[in-house]
Protein backbone atom coordinates (compact mmCIF):
# COMPACT_ATOMS: atom_id res chain seq x y z
CA UNK A 1 87.71 69.47 63.82
CA UNK A 2 84.24 70.72 64.62
CA UNK A 3 85.57 72.60 67.66
CA UNK A 4 88.10 74.64 65.70
CA UNK A 5 85.59 77.15 64.32
CA UNK A 6 83.97 77.98 67.74
CA UNK A 7 87.44 78.17 69.30
CA UNK A 8 88.65 80.61 66.62
CA UNK A 9 85.52 82.73 67.01
CA UNK A 10 86.04 82.85 70.78
CA UNK A 11 89.71 83.76 70.31
CA UNK A 12 88.75 86.58 67.91
CA UNK A 13 86.16 87.90 70.36
CA UNK A 14 88.72 87.86 73.17
CA UNK A 15 91.27 89.65 70.98
CA UNK A 16 88.67 92.30 70.10
CA UNK A 17 87.83 92.80 73.78
CA UNK A 18 91.52 93.27 74.63
CA UNK A 19 91.92 95.78 71.78
CA UNK A 20 88.89 97.77 72.96
CA UNK A 21 90.18 97.76 76.54
CA UNK A 22 93.66 98.83 75.37
CA UNK A 23 92.22 101.65 73.28
CA UNK A 24 90.34 102.98 76.32
CA UNK A 25 93.26 102.65 78.71
CA UNK A 26 95.14 105.81 79.37
CA UNK A 27 97.41 107.18 82.03
CA UNK A 28 96.78 110.37 84.00
CA UNK A 29 99.99 111.98 82.80
CA UNK A 30 102.39 111.76 79.87
CA UNK A 31 105.07 109.34 81.06
CA UNK A 32 108.22 110.89 82.47
CA UNK A 33 111.42 109.10 83.45
CA UNK A 34 109.37 106.44 85.24
CA UNK A 35 105.69 105.82 85.89
CA UNK A 36 104.25 104.46 89.14
CA UNK A 37 100.86 102.90 89.84
CA UNK A 38 99.39 102.64 93.33
CA UNK A 39 97.19 99.56 93.67
CA UNK A 40 94.95 98.50 96.55
CA UNK A 41 92.13 99.77 98.73
CA UNK A 42 94.11 101.50 101.44
CA UNK A 43 97.62 102.56 102.39
CA UNK A 44 97.89 99.40 104.48
CA UNK A 45 97.62 97.11 101.46
CA UNK A 46 99.01 99.47 98.83
CA UNK A 47 101.07 97.85 96.12
CA UNK A 48 103.48 100.09 94.26
CA UNK A 49 104.36 99.15 90.68
CA UNK A 50 106.91 101.27 88.79
CA UNK A 51 107.73 100.92 85.10
CA UNK A 52 110.30 102.70 82.96
CA UNK A 53 108.25 102.52 79.72
CA UNK A 54 104.95 101.20 78.41
CA UNK A 55 102.86 102.64 81.25
CA UNK A 56 99.50 102.34 79.44
CA UNK A 57 100.20 98.72 78.59
CA UNK A 58 101.34 97.98 82.14
CA UNK A 59 98.13 99.50 83.48
CA UNK A 60 96.14 96.89 81.53
CA UNK A 61 97.71 94.12 83.60
CA UNK A 62 97.05 95.75 86.98
CA UNK A 63 94.02 95.47 89.25
CA UNK A 64 92.68 98.06 91.69
CA UNK A 65 94.73 101.01 90.43
CA UNK A 66 93.87 103.89 92.77
CA UNK A 67 96.60 106.36 91.92
CA UNK A 68 99.40 107.18 89.49
CA UNK A 69 102.56 109.25 89.46
CA UNK A 70 105.46 110.10 87.20
CA UNK A 71 108.76 111.95 87.49
CA UNK A 72 109.97 114.71 85.17
CA UNK A 73 113.33 116.44 85.09
CA UNK A 74 111.51 119.77 84.84
CA UNK A 75 107.94 120.96 84.47
CA UNK A 76 106.18 124.24 83.74
CA UNK A 77 103.71 124.01 86.63
CA UNK A 78 101.42 126.81 85.40
CA UNK A 79 101.05 125.20 81.95
CA UNK A 80 100.59 121.76 83.51
CA UNK A 81 97.85 123.03 85.83
CA UNK A 82 96.16 124.61 82.84
CA UNK A 83 96.21 121.26 80.97
CA UNK A 84 94.48 119.41 83.82
CA UNK A 85 92.20 122.31 84.79
CA UNK A 86 94.02 122.43 88.11
CA UNK A 87 94.14 124.92 90.93
CA UNK A 88 96.51 124.96 93.90
CA UNK A 89 94.60 124.33 97.15
CA UNK A 90 97.58 124.75 99.48
CA UNK A 91 101.38 124.60 99.50
CA UNK A 92 103.79 122.91 101.88
CA UNK A 93 107.47 123.89 101.99
CA UNK A 94 109.98 121.42 103.37
CA UNK A 95 113.74 121.79 103.66
CA UNK A 96 114.41 120.04 100.34
CA UNK A 97 111.12 120.39 98.43
CA UNK A 98 107.97 122.35 97.80
CA UNK A 99 104.68 120.46 97.61
CA UNK A 100 101.59 121.73 95.84
CA UNK A 101 98.29 120.04 96.67
CA UNK A 102 95.73 120.78 93.99
CA UNK A 103 92.26 120.16 92.69
CA UNK A 104 92.19 119.04 89.05
CA UNK A 105 90.20 117.11 86.47
CA UNK A 106 91.84 113.76 87.22
CA UNK A 107 90.25 110.38 87.99
CA UNK A 108 91.56 109.94 91.55
CA UNK A 109 91.07 112.04 94.68
CA UNK A 110 91.67 111.87 98.42
CA UNK A 111 90.59 114.02 101.33
CA UNK A 112 93.50 115.88 102.87
CA UNK A 113 93.01 118.46 105.63
CA UNK A 114 89.30 118.59 104.83
CA UNK A 115 89.80 119.24 101.09
CA UNK A 116 89.42 116.92 98.11
CA UNK A 117 92.88 116.72 96.55
CA UNK A 118 93.33 115.14 93.13
CA UNK A 119 96.84 116.32 92.22
CA UNK A 120 100.08 116.47 94.19
CA UNK A 121 103.19 118.12 92.73
CA UNK A 122 106.52 117.81 94.51
CA UNK A 123 109.32 120.06 93.26
CA UNK A 124 112.87 119.15 94.26
CA UNK A 125 116.17 120.24 92.83
CA UNK A 126 116.56 118.30 89.58
CA UNK A 127 113.12 116.66 89.48
CA UNK A 128 109.38 117.19 89.69
CA UNK A 129 107.05 114.37 90.74
CA UNK A 130 103.35 114.62 89.91
CA UNK A 131 100.72 112.25 91.25
CA UNK A 132 97.01 111.74 91.38
CA UNK A 133 95.75 111.85 94.03
CA UNK A 134 98.90 112.12 96.16
CA UNK A 135 102.45 110.78 96.07
CA UNK A 136 102.53 107.66 98.19
CA UNK A 137 105.70 106.51 99.89
CA UNK A 138 109.00 108.35 99.94
CA UNK A 139 109.45 111.27 97.62
């Protein structure tokens, strides 16, 4: 009986810590059709976790998140760049897509061709994928 009160106090403290962590957890982008987290220190050990909903909550359960991406059906790129204070560094056109590599006010970045890139936008017919710092894996 005498251990119930300390146990309840500890449980309340843990619940408060989780609530504070959840309140401070955010994702880089508003969730699109799916949301992907890139976890790990390097591309060699990268873990890719994709969720269909509840991205902010899913992020709480992950360790070593070093990048995020989401997919939209369409996106006004100029307005989106304005929201993240972004600027296109360079563009790459492929046969089925156009890729914009940008600087932006986002939490992740990677060096690409000698430039710090924090936003990658891939436009394909029917979808737009955005990622910070870059889209990892097939896109």
